[in-house]
C-alpha atoms as a PDB file:
ATOM      1  CA  MET A   1       0.000   0.000   0.000  1.00  0.00           C
ATOM      2  CA  TRP A   2       1.307   3.461  -0.909  1.00  0.00           C
ATOM      3  CA  ARG A   3       2.210   5.597   2.070  1.00  0.00           C
ATOM      4  CA  SER A   4       4.256   8.701   1.509  1.00  0.00           C
ATOM      5  CA  TYR A   5       2.444  11.152   3.754  1.00  0.00           C
ATOM      6  CA  GLY A   6       5.662  12.155   5.542  1.00  0.00           C
ATOM      7  CA  GLY A   7       6.096  15.733   4.401  1.00  0.00           C
ATOM      8  CA  SER A   8       2.560  16.380   3.178  1.00  0.00           C
ATOM      9  CA  ALA A   9       1.275  17.930   6.382  1.00  0.00           C
ATOM     10  CA  ARG A  10       4.302  20.172   6.788  1.00  0.00           C
ATOM     11  CA  ARG A  11       4.117  21.407   3.182  1.00  0.00           C
ATOM     12  CA  THR A  12       0.393  22.041   3.558  1.00  0.00           C
ATOM     13  CA  ARG A  13       0.887  24.033   6.738  1.00  0.00           C
ATOM     14  CA  SER A  14       3.640  26.195   5.305  1.00  0.00           C
ATOM     15  CA  SER A  15       1.480  27.186   2.335  1.00  0.00           C
ATOM     16  CA  ALA A  16      -1.865  27.515   4.140  1.00  0.00           C
ATOM     17  CA  THR A  17      -3.292  30.983   4.679  1.00  0.00           C
ATOM     18  CA  ARG A  18      -6.705  29.909   5.976  1.00  0.00           C
ATOM     19  CA  TRP A  19      -8.112  27.906   8.849  1.00  0.00           C
ATOM     20  CA  ILE A  20      -7.774  24.171   8.377  1.00  0.00           C
ATOM     21  CA  LEU A  21     -10.292  21.470   9.248  1.00  0.00           C
ATOM     22  CA  VAL A  22      -9.141  17.852   9.004  1.00  0.00           C
ATOM     23  CA  LEU A  23     -11.805  15.165   9.159  1.00  0.00           C
ATOM     24  CA  GLN A  24     -10.902  11.527   9.706  1.00  0.00           C
ATOM     25  CA  GLY A  25     -13.149   8.491   9.549  1.00  0.00           C
ATOM     26  CA  GLY A  26     -12.599   6.405  12.647  1.00  0.00           C
ATOM     27  CA  ARG A  27     -13.193   3.189  10.668  1.00  0.00           C
ATOM     28  CA  ASP A  28     -10.978   4.244   7.736  1.00  0.00           C
ATOM     29  CA  TYR A  29      -8.448   1.509   7.066  1.00  0.00           C
ATOM     30  CA  GLN A  30      -6.713   3.357   4.201  1.00  0.00           C
ATOM     31  CA  VAL A  31      -5.814   6.438   6.215  1.00  0.00           C
ATOM     32  CA  ALA A  32      -5.876   5.016   9.710  1.00  0.00           C
ATOM     33  CA  VAL A  33      -6.305   7.033  12.886  1.00  0.00           C
ATOM     34  CA  ALA A  34      -3.513   5.169  14.693  1.00  0.00           C
ATOM     35  CA  ASP A  35      -1.047   5.114  11.798  1.00  0.00           C
ATOM     36  CA  ASP A  36      -1.572   8.339   9.863  1.00  0.00           C
ATOM     37  CA  LEU A  37      -3.361  10.920  11.999  1.00  0.00           C
ATOM     38  CA  PRO A  38      -0.392  11.619  14.306  1.00  0.00           C
ATOM     39  CA  ALA A  39       1.586  13.044  11.358  1.00  0.00           C
ATOM     40  CA  TRP A  40      -1.252  15.406  10.524  1.00  0.00           C
ATOM     41  CA  ARG A  41      -1.523  16.468  14.171  1.00  0.00           C
ATOM     42  CA  GLU A  42       2.215  17.162  14.251  1.00  0.00           C
ATOM     43  CA  GLY A  43       2.348  18.873  10.874  1.00  0.00           C
ATOM     44  CA  LEU A  44      -0.801  20.934  11.392  1.00  0.00           C
ATOM     45  CA  PRO A  45      -0.808  21.846  15.087  1.00  0.00           C
ATOM     46  CA  GLU A  46      -3.106  24.819  14.499  1.00  0.00           C
ATOM     47  CA  ALA A  47      -5.695  22.769  12.588  1.00  0.00           C
ATOM     48  CA  THR A  48      -8.992  21.600  13.966  1.00  0.00           C
ATOM     49  CA  ILE A  49      -8.911  17.811  13.712  1.00  0.00           C
ATOM     50  CA  ASN A  50     -12.062  15.792  14.150  1.00  0.00           C
ATOM     51  CA  VAL A  51     -12.371  12.007  14.107  1.00  0.00           C
ATOM     52  CA  LEU A  52     -15.819  10.778  13.160  1.00  0.00           C
ATOM     53  CA  ALA A  53     -15.799   7.370  14.835  1.00  0.00           C
ATOM     54  CA  ALA A  54     -18.445   5.671  12.687  1.00  0.00           C
ATOM     55  CA  GLY A  55     -17.067   6.879   9.342  1.00  0.00           C
ATOM     56  CA  ASN A  56     -15.104   4.875   6.802  1.00  0.00           C
ATOM     57  CA  HIS A  57     -12.834   6.362   4.095  1.00  0.00           C
ATOM     58  CA  LEU A  58     -15.883   7.786   2.300  1.00  0.00           C
ATOM     59  CA  PHE A  59     -17.463   9.002   5.551  1.00  0.00           C
ATOM     60  CA  PHE A  60     -20.233   6.426   5.279  1.00  0.00           C
ATOM     61  CA  ALA A  61     -21.303   5.501   8.800  1.00  0.00           C
ATOM     62  CA  GLY A  62     -21.122   1.895   9.878  1.00  0.00           C
ATOM     63  CA  ALA A  63     -20.132  -0.450  12.658  1.00  0.00           C
ATOM     64  CA  GLY A  64     -17.158  -2.734  13.031  1.00  0.00           C
ATOM     65  CA  PRO A  65     -13.991  -2.762  10.960  1.00  0.00           C
ATOM     66  CA  SER A  66     -14.244  -1.273   7.480  1.00  0.00           C
ATOM     67  CA  THR A  67     -13.192  -3.400   4.504  1.00  0.00           C
ATOM     68  CA  VAL A  68     -12.813  -3.049   0.756  1.00  0.00           C
ATOM     69  CA  ALA A  69     -16.266  -4.649   0.430  1.00  0.00           C
ATOM     70  CA  ASP A  70     -17.756  -1.466   1.923  1.00  0.00           C
ATOM     71  CA  TYR A  71     -17.084   0.284  -1.396  1.00  0.00           C
ATOM     72  CA  GLN A  72     -19.530  -2.046  -3.129  1.00  0.00           C
ATOM     73  CA  VAL A  73     -22.397  -1.030  -0.842  1.00  0.00           C
ATOM     74  CA  PRO A  74     -24.238   2.173  -1.797  1.00  0.00           C
ATOM     75  CA  GLY A  75     -24.273   4.673   1.016  1.00  0.00           C
ATOM     76  CA  HIS A  76     -24.688   8.284   1.955  1.00  0.00           C
ATOM     77  CA  LEU A  77     -22.432  10.780   3.634  1.00  0.00           C
ATOM     78  CA  ASP A  78     -22.806  10.544   7.401  1.00  0.00           C
ATOM     79  CA  PRO A  79     -24.868  13.593   8.510  1.00  0.00           C
ATOM     80  CA  ALA A  80     -22.278  14.078  11.268  1.00  0.00           C
ATOM     81  CA  VAL A  81     -19.842  15.229   8.558  1.00  0.00           C
ATOM     82  CA  VAL A  82     -22.143  18.048   7.472  1.00  0.00           C
ATOM     83  CA  THR A  83     -22.861  19.005  11.083  1.00  0.00           C
ATOM     84  CA  THR A  84     -19.161  19.009  11.956  1.00  0.00           C
ATOM     85  CA  ILE A  85     -18.313  21.248   8.993  1.00  0.00           C
ATOM     86  CA  SER A  86     -21.194  23.658   9.588  1.00  0.00           C
ATOM     87  CA  ASP A  87     -20.395  23.901  13.313  1.00  0.00           C
ATOM     88  CA  TRP A  88     -16.741  24.594  12.485  1.00  0.00           C
ATOM     89  CA  LEU A  89     -17.411  27.393  10.007  1.00  0.00           C
ATOM     90  CA  PRO A  90     -17.372  30.908  11.460  1.00  0.00           C
END
């Protein structure tokens, strides 16, 4: 699996001129909370970072571990994503 996130967060921070909101699906196995989110926290210390526990990589809510089979099941964006974004906006 491709993983070269190393400098991405730092480059993003150095070029950002706006507030930053990072959303993470808690069930996302492609960009995992335990493996990948710490780099974003370190690289974007001023960002608002929110983990939506039920969300997979597409922010479809579910229960249990997410798998590649989840992509074959039609779904809708978890309403918590919209609420989180609207609550975050000034």
